[in-house]
């Protein structure tokens, strides 16, 4: 029983950790990315959104600025993936986005 409890605890910790996307090897550190931020991490998020062509995210531009278009794309992504549509990229949204991106780029297109 103790081993099962410990395994469950460790699995929960791993779920809370960020998933790196292979081409960038960048992790979301204990923070959120949201409206108004300007950073290279925002650019990475925008590139991932643009790459996921199976979704309709409008005119997401990889300019590093987290504006209305990026926020709306994240809200749409969150809704389509059963996440709370906050428009904020937290660890849960980052992990879902990274998994979707990794899955997409692992296919031969």
PDB file of N, CA and C in Angstrom:
ATOM      1  N   UNK A   1       0.822  -1.187   0.000  1.00  0.00           N
ATOM      2  CA  UNK A   1       0.000   0.000   0.000  1.00  0.00           C
ATOM      3  C   UNK A   1       0.864   1.248   0.000  1.00  0.00           C
ATOM      4  N   UNK A   2       1.883   1.251   0.814  1.00  0.00           N
ATOM      5  CA  UNK A   2       2.783   2.405   0.880  1.00  0.00           C
ATOM      6  C   UNK A   2       3.419   2.670  -0.470  1.00  0.00           C
ATOM      7  N   UNK A   3       3.842   1.624  -1.178  1.00  0.00           N
ATOM      8  CA  UNK A   3       4.458   1.782  -2.498  1.00  0.00           C
ATOM      9  C   UNK A   3       3.458   2.359  -3.502  1.00  0.00           C
ATOM     10  N   UNK A   4       2.205   1.929  -3.431  1.00  0.00           N
ATOM     11  CA  UNK A   4       1.183   2.463  -4.334  1.00  0.00           C
ATOM     12  C   UNK A   4       0.913   3.936  -4.051  1.00  0.00           C
ATOM     13  N   UNK A   5       0.842   4.292  -2.793  1.00  0.00           N
ATOM     14  CA  UNK A   5       0.620   5.690  -2.420  1.00  0.00           C
ATOM     15  C   UNK A   5       1.780   6.548  -2.914  1.00  0.00           C
ATOM     16  N   UNK A   6       2.998   6.080  -2.737  1.00  0.00           N
ATOM     17  CA  UNK A   6       4.176   6.832  -3.191  1.00  0.00           C
ATOM     18  C   UNK A   6       4.189   6.949  -4.712  1.00  0.00           C
ATOM     19  N   UNK A   7       3.852   5.879  -5.425  1.00  0.00           N
ATOM     20  CA  UNK A   7       3.806   5.920  -6.890  1.00  0.00           C
ATOM     21  C   UNK A   7       2.758   6.922  -7.369  1.00  0.00           C
ATOM     22  N   UNK A   8       1.619   6.949  -6.701  1.00  0.00           N
ATOM     23  CA  UNK A   8       0.568   7.916  -7.061  1.00  0.00           C
ATOM     24  C   UNK A   8       1.033   9.341  -6.802  1.00  0.00           C
ATOM     25  N   UNK A   9       1.733   9.541  -5.685  1.00  0.00           N
ATOM     26  CA  UNK A   9       2.250  10.883  -5.374  1.00  0.00           C
ATOM     27  C   UNK A   9       3.251  11.324  -6.428  1.00  0.00           C
ATOM     28  N   UNK A  10       4.157  10.445  -6.808  1.00  0.00           N
ATOM     29  CA  UNK A  10       5.150  10.775  -7.818  1.00  0.00           C
ATOM     30  C   UNK A  10       4.506  11.046  -9.174  1.00  0.00           C
ATOM     31  N   UNK A  11       3.481  10.296  -9.513  1.00  0.00           N
ATOM     32  CA  UNK A  11       2.770  10.531 -10.774  1.00  0.00           C
ATOM     33  C   UNK A  11       2.119  11.907 -10.757  1.00  0.00           C
ATOM     34  N   UNK A  12       1.556  12.285  -9.626  1.00  0.00           N
ATOM     35  CA  UNK A  12       0.927  13.605  -9.499  1.00  0.00           C
ATOM     36  C   UNK A  12       1.970  14.709  -9.674  1.00  0.00           C
ATOM     37  N   UNK A  13       3.139  14.529  -9.092  1.00  0.00           N
ATOM     38  CA  UNK A  13       4.218  15.518  -9.233  1.00  0.00           C
ATOM     39  C   UNK A  13       4.613  15.644 -10.704  1.00  0.00           C
ATOM     40  N   UNK A  14       4.752  14.500 -11.383  1.00  0.00           N
ATOM     41  CA  UNK A  14       5.132  14.536 -12.803  1.00  0.00           C
ATOM     42  C   UNK A  14       4.083  15.246 -13.639  1.00  0.00           C
ATOM     43  N   UNK A  15       2.809  15.081 -13.305  1.00  0.00           N
ATOM     44  CA  UNK A  15       1.748  15.770 -14.038  1.00  0.00           C
ATOM     45  C   UNK A  15       1.855  17.280 -13.877  1.00  0.00           C
ATOM     46  N   UNK A  16       2.349  17.724 -12.742  1.00  0.00           N
ATOM     47  CA  UNK A  16       2.478  19.153 -12.490  1.00  0.00           C
ATOM     48  C   UNK A  16       3.714  19.758 -13.131  1.00  0.00           C
ATOM     49  N   UNK A  17       4.677  18.910 -13.513  1.00  0.00           N
ATOM     50  CA  UNK A  17       5.891  19.417 -14.140  1.00  0.00           C
ATOM     51  C   UNK A  17       5.599  19.808 -15.569  1.00  0.00           C
ATOM     52  N   UNK A  18       6.379  20.715 -16.098  1.00  0.00           N
ATOM     53  CA  UNK A  18       6.201  21.164 -17.469  1.00  0.00           C
ATOM     54  C   UNK A  18       6.759  20.148 -18.443  1.00  0.00           C
ATOM     55  N   UNK A  19       6.141  20.065 -19.579  1.00  0.00           N
ATOM     56  CA  UNK A  19       6.627  19.203 -20.652  1.00  0.00           C
ATOM     57  C   UNK A  19       7.389  20.070 -21.650  1.00  0.00           C
ATOM     58  N   UNK A  20       8.630  19.737 -21.892  1.00  0.00           N
ATOM     59  CA  UNK A  20       9.417  20.500 -22.859  1.00  0.00           C
ATOM     60  C   UNK A  20       9.020  20.093 -24.263  1.00  0.00           C
ATOM     61  N   UNK A  21       9.059  21.042 -25.176  1.00  0.00           N
ATOM     62  CA  UNK A  21       8.857  20.703 -26.575  1.00  0.00           C
ATOM     63  C   UNK A  21      10.220  20.463 -27.177  1.00  0.00           C
ATOM     64  N   UNK A  22      10.369  19.384 -27.906  1.00  0.00           N
ATOM     65  CA  UNK A  22      11.674  18.931 -28.361  1.00  0.00           C
ATOM     66  C   UNK A  22      12.489  19.974 -29.117  1.00  0.00           C
ATOM     67  N   UNK A  23      11.923  20.679 -30.101  1.00  0.00           N
ATOM     68  CA  UNK A  23      12.777  21.609 -30.844  1.00  0.00           C
ATOM     69  C   UNK A  23      13.303  22.779 -30.015  1.00  0.00           C
ATOM     70  N   UNK A  24      12.634  23.104 -28.933  1.00  0.00           N
ATOM     71  CA  UNK A  24      13.029  24.274 -28.160  1.00  0.00           C
ATOM     72  C   UNK A  24      13.653  23.941 -26.815  1.00  0.00           C
ATOM     73  N   UNK A  25      13.311  22.755 -26.282  1.00  0.00           N
ATOM     74  CA  UNK A  25      13.824  22.344 -24.970  1.00  0.00           C
ATOM     75  C   UNK A  25      13.643  23.455 -23.933  1.00  0.00           C
ATOM     76  N   UNK A  26      12.496  24.083 -23.949  1.00  0.00           N
ATOM     77  CA  UNK A  26      12.204  25.167 -23.020  1.00  0.00           C
ATOM     78  C   UNK A  26      11.085  24.723 -22.087  1.00  0.00           C
ATOM     79  N   UNK A  27      11.203  24.998 -20.842  1.00  0.00           N
ATOM     80  CA  UNK A  27      10.171  24.625 -19.883  1.00  0.00           C
ATOM     81  C   UNK A  27       9.553  25.879 -19.264  1.00  0.00           C
ATOM     82  N   UNK A  28       8.284  25.765 -18.984  1.00  0.00           N
ATOM     83  CA  UNK A  28       7.585  26.824 -18.281  1.00  0.00           C
ATOM     84  C   UNK A  28       7.920  26.682 -16.806  1.00  0.00           C
ATOM     85  N   UNK A  29       8.641  27.622 -16.274  1.00  0.00           N
ATOM     86  CA  UNK A  29       8.999  27.588 -14.863  1.00  0.00           C
ATOM     87  C   UNK A  29       7.809  28.086 -14.054  1.00  0.00           C
ATOM     88  N   UNK A  30       7.754  27.865 -12.816  1.00  0.00           N
ATOM     89  CA  UNK A  30       6.632  28.148 -11.926  1.00  0.00           C
ATOM     90  C   UNK A  30       5.990  29.505 -12.178  1.00  0.00           C
ATOM     91  N   UNK A  31       5.400  29.672 -13.340  1.00  0.00           N
ATOM     92  CA  UNK A  31       4.778  30.943 -13.673  1.00  0.00           C
ATOM     93  C   UNK A  31       3.704  30.734 -14.717  1.00  0.00           C
ATOM     94  N   UNK A  32       3.120  31.829 -15.137  1.00  0.00           N
ATOM     95  CA  UNK A  32       2.099  31.820 -16.165  1.00  0.00           C
ATOM     96  C   UNK A  32       2.505  32.811 -17.250  1.00  0.00           C
ATOM     97  N   UNK A  33       2.048  32.541 -18.443  1.00  0.00           N
ATOM     98  CA  UNK A  33       2.268  33.453 -19.560  1.00  0.00           C
ATOM     99  C   UNK A  33       0.892  33.976 -19.933  1.00  0.00           C
ATOM    100  N   UNK A  34       0.751  35.305 -19.968  1.00  0.00           N
ATOM    101  CA  UNK A  34      -0.583  35.867 -20.186  1.00  0.00           C
ATOM    102  C   UNK A  34      -0.526  37.194 -20.925  1.00  0.00           C
ATOM    103  N   UNK A  35      -1.702  37.755 -21.134  1.00  0.00           N
ATOM    104  CA  UNK A  35      -1.895  38.986 -21.884  1.00  0.00           C
ATOM    105  C   UNK A  35      -0.880  40.065 -21.489  1.00  0.00           C
ATOM    106  N   UNK A  36      -0.287  40.670 -22.506  1.00  0.00           N
ATOM    107  CA  UNK A  36       0.627  41.776 -22.299  1.00  0.00           C
ATOM    108  C   UNK A  36       2.092  41.392 -22.207  1.00  0.00           C
ATOM    109  N   UNK A  37       2.388  40.096 -22.028  1.00  0.00           N
ATOM    110  CA  UNK A  37       3.782  39.675 -21.904  1.00  0.00           C
ATOM    111  C   UNK A  37       4.483  39.730 -23.259  1.00  0.00           C
ATOM    112  N   UNK A  38       5.729  40.115 -23.223  1.00  0.00           N
ATOM    113  CA  UNK A  38       6.586  40.103 -24.399  1.00  0.00           C
ATOM    114  C   UNK A  38       7.815  39.277 -24.033  1.00  0.00           C
ATOM    115  N   UNK A  39       7.982  38.126 -24.730  1.00  0.00           N
ATOM    116  CA  UNK A  39       9.122  37.269 -24.417  1.00  0.00           C
ATOM    117  C   UNK A  39       9.333  36.245 -25.518  1.00  0.00           C
ATOM    118  N   UNK A  40      10.497  35.585 -25.452  1.00  0.00           N
ATOM    119  CA  UNK A  40      10.759  34.496 -26.406  1.00  0.00           C
ATOM    120  C   UNK A  40       9.851  33.306 -26.135  1.00  0.00           C
ATOM    121  N   UNK A  41       9.410  33.128 -24.907  1.00  0.00           N
ATOM    122  CA  UNK A  41       8.486  32.047 -24.584  1.00  0.00           C
ATOM    123  C   UNK A  41       7.140  32.274 -25.277  1.00  0.00           C
ATOM    124  N   UNK A  42       6.700  33.516 -25.351  1.00  0.00           N
ATOM    125  CA  UNK A  42       5.469  33.827 -26.080  1.00  0.00           C
ATOM    126  C   UNK A  42       5.643  33.461 -27.553  1.00  0.00           C
ATOM    127  N   UNK A  43       6.796  33.765 -28.112  1.00  0.00           N
ATOM    128  CA  UNK A  43       7.066  33.409 -29.511  1.00  0.00           C
ATOM    129  C   UNK A  43       6.966  31.902 -29.705  1.00  0.00           C
ATOM    130  N   UNK A  44       7.510  31.126 -28.783  1.00  0.00           N
ATOM    131  CA  UNK A  44       7.452  29.667 -28.867  1.00  0.00           C
ATOM    132  C   UNK A  44       5.998  29.199 -28.822  1.00  0.00           C
ATOM    133  N   UNK A  45       5.212  29.762 -27.935  1.00  0.00           N
ATOM    134  CA  UNK A  45       3.796  29.414 -27.836  1.00  0.00           C
ATOM    135  C   UNK A  45       3.096  29.730 -29.154  1.00  0.00           C
ATOM    136  N   UNK A  46       3.393  30.886 -29.717  1.00  0.00           N
ATOM    137  CA  UNK A  46       2.773  31.280 -30.977  1.00  0.00           C
ATOM    138  C   UNK A  46       3.171  30.343 -32.120  1.00  0.00           C
ATOM    139  N   UNK A  47       4.415  29.934 -32.152  1.00  0.00           N
ATOM    140  CA  UNK A  47       4.873  28.995 -33.177  1.00  0.00           C
ATOM    141  C   UNK A  47       4.141  27.663 -33.031  1.00  0.00           C
ATOM    142  N   UNK A  48       4.000  27.197 -31.793  1.00  0.00           N
ATOM    143  CA  UNK A  48       3.278  25.942 -31.582  1.00  0.00           C
ATOM    144  C   UNK A  48       1.836  26.067 -32.062  1.00  0.00           C
ATOM    145  N   UNK A  49       1.170  27.170 -31.742  1.00  0.00           N
ATOM    146  CA  UNK A  49      -0.213  27.363 -32.176  1.00  0.00           C
ATOM    147  C   UNK A  49      -0.314  27.390 -33.696  1.00  0.00           C
ATOM    148  N   UNK A  50       0.613  28.086 -34.348  1.00  0.00           N
ATOM    149  CA  UNK A  50       0.589  28.166 -35.807  1.00  0.00           C
ATOM    150  C   UNK A  50       0.866  26.806 -36.449  1.00  0.00           C
ATOM    151  N   UNK A  51       1.689  25.992 -35.812  1.00  0.00           N
ATOM    152  CA  UNK A  51       2.047  24.682 -36.348  1.00  0.00           C
ATOM    153  C   UNK A  51       0.881  23.709 -36.268  1.00  0.00           C
ATOM    154  N   UNK A  52       0.066  23.860 -35.257  1.00  0.00           N
ATOM    155  CA  UNK A  52      -1.068  22.948 -35.073  1.00  0.00           C
ATOM    156  C   UNK A  52      -2.182  23.323 -36.036  1.00  0.00           C
ATOM    157  N   UNK A  53      -1.991  23.001 -37.280  1.00  0.00           N
ATOM    158  CA  UNK A  53      -2.918  23.426 -38.328  1.00  0.00           C
ATOM    159  C   UNK A  53      -4.274  22.755 -38.250  1.00  0.00           C
ATOM    160  N   UNK A  54      -4.403  21.722 -37.418  1.00  0.00           N
ATOM    161  CA  UNK A  54      -5.711  21.077 -37.304  1.00  0.00           C
ATOM    162  C   UNK A  54      -6.705  21.973 -36.569  1.00  0.00           C
ATOM    163  N   UNK A  55      -6.231  23.036 -35.962  1.00  0.00           N
ATOM    164  CA  UNK A  55      -7.101  23.988 -35.284  1.00  0.00           C
ATOM    165  C   UNK A  55      -7.149  25.275 -36.090  1.00  0.00           C
ATOM    166  N   UNK A  56      -8.206  26.033 -35.914  1.00  0.00           N
ATOM    167  CA  UNK A  56      -8.347  27.314 -36.589  1.00  0.00           C
ATOM    168  C   UNK A  56      -8.062  28.420 -35.579  1.00  0.00           C
ATOM    169  N   UNK A  57      -6.856  28.928 -35.602  1.00  0.00           N
ATOM    170  CA  UNK A  57      -6.481  29.941 -34.630  1.00  0.00           C
ATOM    171  C   UNK A  57      -6.382  31.333 -35.233  1.00  0.00           C
ATOM    172  N   UNK A  58      -6.889  31.522 -36.408  1.00  0.00           N
ATOM    173  CA  UNK A  58      -6.849  32.846 -36.997  1.00  0.00           C
ATOM    174  C   UNK A  58      -5.443  33.256 -37.379  1.00  0.00           C
ATOM    175  N   UNK A  59      -5.153  34.485 -37.186  1.00  0.00           N
ATOM    176  CA  UNK A  59      -3.894  35.071 -37.635  1.00  0.00           C
ATOM    177  C   UNK A  59      -2.880  35.196 -36.495  1.00  0.00           C
ATOM    178  N   UNK A  60      -2.537  34.098 -35.877  1.00  0.00           N
ATOM    179  CA  UNK A  60      -1.514  34.133 -34.836  1.00  0.00           C
ATOM    180  C   UNK A  60      -0.186  34.497 -35.496  1.00  0.00           C
ATOM    181  N   UNK A  61       0.463  35.517 -34.986  1.00  0.00           N
ATOM    182  CA  UNK A  61       1.744  35.983 -35.520  1.00  0.00           C
ATOM    183  C   UNK A  61       2.818  35.695 -34.483  1.00  0.00           C
ATOM    184  N   UNK A  62       3.954  35.198 -34.936  1.00  0.00           N
ATOM    185  CA  UNK A  62       5.065  34.876 -34.019  1.00  0.00           C
ATOM    186  C   UNK A  62       5.911  36.121 -33.767  1.00  0.00           C
ATOM    187  N   UNK A  63       5.345  37.043 -33.010  1.00  0.00           N
ATOM    188  CA  UNK A  63       6.046  38.300 -32.748  1.00  0.00           C
ATOM    189  C   UNK A  63       6.493  38.456 -31.301  1.00  0.00           C
ATOM    190  N   UNK A  64       6.179  37.473 -30.457  1.00  0.00           N
ATOM    191  CA  UNK A  64       6.605  37.528 -29.060  1.00  0.00           C
ATOM    192  C   UNK A  64       5.715  38.357 -28.161  1.00  0.00           C
ATOM    193  N   UNK A  65       4.639  38.941 -28.708  1.00  0.00           N
ATOM    194  CA  UNK A  65       3.715  39.741 -27.908  1.00  0.00           C
ATOM    195  C   UNK A  65       2.436  38.962 -27.671  1.00  0.00           C
ATOM    196  N   UNK A  66       2.059  38.794 -26.422  1.00  0.00           N
ATOM    197  CA  UNK A  66       0.850  38.059 -26.034  1.00  0.00           C
ATOM    198  C   UNK A  66      -0.314  39.035 -26.034  1.00  0.00           C
ATOM    199  N   UNK A  67      -0.914  39.190 -27.207  1.00  0.00           N
ATOM    200  CA  UNK A  67      -2.041  40.101 -27.356  1.00  0.00           C
ATOM    201  C   UNK A  67      -3.349  39.357 -27.501  1.00  0.00           C
ATOM    202  N   UNK A  68      -4.364  40.073 -28.003  1.00  0.00           N
ATOM    203  CA  UNK A  68      -5.711  39.519 -28.133  1.00  0.00           C
ATOM    204  C   UNK A  68      -5.758  38.258 -28.991  1.00  0.00           C
ATOM    205  N   UNK A  69      -5.060  38.266 -30.121  1.00  0.00           N
ATOM    206  CA  UNK A  69      -5.124  37.114 -31.031  1.00  0.00           C
ATOM    207  C   UNK A  69      -4.547  35.870 -30.363  1.00  0.00           C
ATOM    208  N   UNK A  70      -3.409  36.029 -29.697  1.00  0.00           N
ATOM    209  CA  UNK A  70      -2.787  34.895 -29.004  1.00  0.00           C
ATOM    210  C   UNK A  70      -3.680  34.420 -27.865  1.00  0.00           C
ATOM    211  N   UNK A  71      -4.225  35.349 -27.101  1.00  0.00           N
ATOM    212  CA  UNK A  71      -5.105  34.971 -26.003  1.00  0.00           C
ATOM    213  C   UNK A  71      -6.327  34.212 -26.522  1.00  0.00           C
ATOM    214  N   UNK A  72      -6.944  34.689 -27.600  1.00  0.00           N
ATOM    215  CA  UNK A  72      -8.109  34.006 -28.161  1.00  0.00           C
ATOM    216  C   UNK A  72      -7.748  32.624 -28.681  1.00  0.00           C
ATOM    217  N   UNK A  73      -6.564  32.480 -29.261  1.00  0.00           N
ATOM    218  CA  UNK A  73      -6.110  31.172 -29.737  1.00  0.00           C
ATOM    219  C   UNK A  73      -5.919  30.208 -28.574  1.00  0.00           C
ATOM    220  N   UNK A  74      -5.366  30.705 -27.477  1.00  0.00           N
ATOM    221  CA  UNK A  74      -5.174  29.867 -26.291  1.00  0.00           C
ATOM    222  C   UNK A  74      -6.530  29.469 -25.708  1.00  0.00           C
ATOM    223  N   UNK A  75      -7.463  30.408 -25.639  1.00  0.00           N
ATOM    224  CA  UNK A  75      -8.805  30.088 -25.127  1.00  0.00           C
ATOM    225  C   UNK A  75      -9.436  29.000 -25.987  1.00  0.00           C
ATOM    226  N   UNK A  76      -9.321  29.126 -27.306  1.00  0.00           N
ATOM    227  CA  UNK A  76      -9.862  28.115 -28.206  1.00  0.00           C
ATOM    228  C   UNK A  76      -9.178  26.775 -27.985  1.00  0.00           C
ATOM    229  N   UNK A  77      -7.850  26.792 -27.867  1.00  0.00           N
ATOM    230  CA  UNK A  77      -7.102  25.558 -27.615  1.00  0.00           C
ATOM    231  C   UNK A  77      -7.561  24.921 -26.306  1.00  0.00           C
ATOM    232  N   UNK A  78      -7.704  25.739 -25.256  1.00  0.00           N
ATOM    233  CA  UNK A  78      -8.125  25.221 -23.958  1.00  0.00           C
ATOM    234  C   UNK A  78      -9.515  24.581 -24.053  1.00  0.00           C
ATOM    235  N   UNK A  79     -10.440  25.250 -24.716  1.00  0.00           N
ATOM    236  CA  UNK A  79     -11.799  24.699 -24.860  1.00  0.00           C
ATOM    237  C   UNK A  79     -11.775  23.373 -25.605  1.00  0.00           C
ATOM    238  N   UNK A  80     -11.024  23.325 -26.696  1.00  0.00           N
ATOM    239  CA  UNK A  80     -10.971  22.113 -27.525  1.00  0.00           C
ATOM    240  C   UNK A  80     -10.305  20.946 -26.797  1.00  0.00           C
ATOM    241  N   UNK A  81      -9.540  21.252 -25.755  1.00  0.00           N
ATOM    242  CA  UNK A  81      -8.824  20.206 -25.024  1.00  0.00           C
ATOM    243  C   UNK A  81      -9.368  19.986 -23.622  1.00  0.00           C
ATOM    244  N   UNK A  82     -10.565  20.474 -23.357  1.00  0.00           N
ATOM    245  CA  UNK A  82     -11.227  20.223 -22.085  1.00  0.00           C
ATOM    246  C   UNK A  82     -10.596  20.940 -20.897  1.00  0.00           C
ATOM    247  N   UNK A  83      -9.910  22.046 -21.169  1.00  0.00           N
ATOM    248  CA  UNK A  83      -9.286  22.823 -20.096  1.00  0.00           C
ATOM    249  C   UNK A  83     -10.119  24.057 -19.801  1.00  0.00           C
ATOM    250  N   UNK A  84      -9.930  24.610 -18.622  1.00  0.00           N
ATOM    251  CA  UNK A  84     -10.630  25.844 -18.282  1.00  0.00           C
ATOM    252  C   UNK A  84     -10.163  26.949 -19.222  1.00  0.00           C
ATOM    253  N   UNK A  85     -11.077  27.609 -19.941  1.00  0.00           N
ATOM    254  CA  UNK A  85     -10.688  28.616 -20.934  1.00  0.00           C
ATOM    255  C   UNK A  85     -10.346  29.969 -20.301  1.00  0.00           C
ATOM    256  N   UNK A  86      -9.151  30.054 -19.749  1.00  0.00           N
ATOM    257  CA  UNK A  86      -8.722  31.270 -19.057  1.00  0.00           C
ATOM    258  C   UNK A  86      -7.951  32.227 -19.953  1.00  0.00           C
ATOM    259  N   UNK A  87      -7.375  31.707 -21.035  1.00  0.00           N
ATOM    260  CA  UNK A  87      -6.525  32.534 -21.885  1.00  0.00           C
ATOM    261  C   UNK A  87      -5.121  32.685 -21.342  1.00  0.00           C
ATOM    262  N   UNK A  88      -4.844  32.030 -20.229  1.00  0.00           N
ATOM    263  CA  UNK A  88      -3.532  32.083 -19.585  1.00  0.00           C
ATOM    264  C   UNK A  88      -2.830  30.743 -19.805  1.00  0.00           C
ATOM    265  N   UNK A  89      -1.565  30.794 -20.183  1.00  0.00           N
ATOM    266  CA  UNK A  89      -0.792  29.563 -20.334  1.00  0.00           C
ATOM    267  C   UNK A  89      -0.142  29.251 -18.994  1.00  0.00           C
ATOM    268  N   UNK A  90      -0.765  28.335 -18.270  1.00  0.00           N
ATOM    269  CA  UNK A  90      -0.200  27.838 -17.019  1.00  0.00           C
ATOM    270  C   UNK A  90       0.442  26.491 -17.322  1.00  0.00           C
ATOM    271  N   UNK A  91       0.877  25.781 -16.301  1.00  0.00           N
ATOM    272  CA  UNK A  91       1.548  24.495 -16.528  1.00  0.00           C
ATOM    273  C   UNK A  91       0.644  23.489 -17.232  1.00  0.00           C
ATOM    274  N   UNK A  92      -0.623  23.454 -16.857  1.00  0.00           N
ATOM    275  CA  UNK A  92      -1.541  22.486 -17.449  1.00  0.00           C
ATOM    276  C   UNK A  92      -1.734  22.771 -18.938  1.00  0.00           C
ATOM    277  N   UNK A  93      -1.947  24.043 -19.276  1.00  0.00           N
ATOM    278  CA  UNK A  93      -2.113  24.409 -20.684  1.00  0.00           C
ATOM    279  C   UNK A  93      -0.819  24.189 -21.451  1.00  0.00           C
ATOM    280  N   UNK A  94       0.315  24.557 -20.842  1.00  0.00           N
ATOM    281  CA  UNK A  94       1.618  24.342 -21.492  1.00  0.00           C
ATOM    282  C   UNK A  94       1.823  22.862 -21.812  1.00  0.00           C
ATOM    283  N   UNK A  95       1.538  22.002 -20.838  1.00  0.00           N
ATOM    284  CA  UNK A  95       1.719  20.563 -21.047  1.00  0.00           C
ATOM    285  C   UNK A  95       0.820  20.057 -22.171  1.00  0.00           C
ATOM    286  N   UNK A  96      -0.429  20.498 -22.205  1.00  0.00           N
ATOM    287  CA  UNK A  96      -1.347  20.069 -23.264  1.00  0.00           C
ATOM    288  C   UNK A  96      -0.878  20.577 -24.621  1.00  0.00           C
ATOM    289  N   UNK A  97      -0.427  21.820 -24.672  1.00  0.00           N
ATOM    290  CA  UNK A  97       0.066  22.399 -25.916  1.00  0.00           C
ATOM    291  C   UNK A  97       1.337  21.692 -26.381  1.00  0.00           C
ATOM    292  N   UNK A  98       2.233  21.418 -25.450  1.00  0.00           N
ATOM    293  CA  UNK A  98       3.481  20.722 -25.790  1.00  0.00           C
ATOM    294  C   UNK A  98       3.198  19.307 -26.291  1.00  0.00           C
ATOM    295  N   UNK A  99       2.264  18.608 -25.634  1.00  0.00           N
ATOM    296  CA  UNK A  99       1.914  17.257 -26.087  1.00  0.00           C
ATOM    297  C   UNK A  99       1.317  17.291 -27.491  1.00  0.00           C
ATOM    298  N   UNK A 100       0.400  18.224 -27.741  1.00  0.00           N
ATOM    299  CA  UNK A 100      -0.221  18.331 -29.064  1.00  0.00           C
ATOM    300  C   UNK A 100       0.820  18.672 -30.120  1.00  0.00           C
ATOM    301  N   UNK A 101       1.717  19.588 -29.788  1.00  0.00           N
ATOM    302  CA  UNK A 101       2.771  19.986 -30.723  1.00  0.00           C
ATOM    303  C   UNK A 101       3.715  18.814 -30.996  1.00  0.00           C
ATOM    304  N   UNK A 102       4.174  18.163 -29.942  1.00  0.00           N
ATOM    305  CA  UNK A 102       5.078  17.010 -30.114  1.00  0.00           C
ATOM    306  C   UNK A 102       4.430  15.924 -30.952  1.00  0.00           C
ATOM    307  N   UNK A 103       3.148  15.672 -30.705  1.00  0.00           N
ATOM    308  CA  UNK A 103       2.434  14.654 -31.483  1.00  0.00           C
ATOM    309  C   UNK A 103       2.362  15.074 -32.946  1.00  0.00           C
ATOM    310  N   UNK A 104       2.049  16.327 -33.186  1.00  0.00           N
ATOM    311  CA  UNK A 104       1.914  16.815 -34.561  1.00  0.00           C
ATOM    312  C   UNK A 104       3.246  16.748 -35.323  1.00  0.00           C
ATOM    313  N   UNK A 105       4.328  17.211 -34.692  1.00  0.00           N
ATOM    314  CA  UNK A 105       5.603  17.254 -35.405  1.00  0.00           C
ATOM    315  C   UNK A 105       6.262  15.891 -35.511  1.00  0.00           C
ATOM    316  N   UNK A 106       5.766  14.905 -34.764  1.00  0.00           N
ATOM    317  CA  UNK A 106       6.361  13.581 -34.860  1.00  0.00           C
ATOM    318  C   UNK A 106       5.851  12.825 -36.096  1.00  0.00           C
ATOM    319  N   UNK A 107       4.780  13.318 -36.703  1.00  0.00           N
ATOM    320  CA  UNK A 107       4.262  12.708 -37.934  1.00  0.00           C
ATOM    321  C   UNK A 107       5.024  13.256 -39.125  1.00  0.00           C
ATOM    322  N   UNK A 108       5.173  12.442 -40.164  1.00  0.00           N
ATOM    323  CA  UNK A 108       5.768  12.909 -41.416  1.00  0.00           C
ATOM    324  C   UNK A 108       4.691  13.658 -42.200  1.00  0.00           C
ATOM    325  N   UNK A 109       4.936  14.922 -42.461  1.00  0.00           N
ATOM    326  CA  UNK A 109       3.969  15.729 -43.201  1.00  0.00           C
ATOM    327  C   UNK A 109       4.488  16.002 -44.584  1.00  0.00           C
TER     328      UNK A 109
END
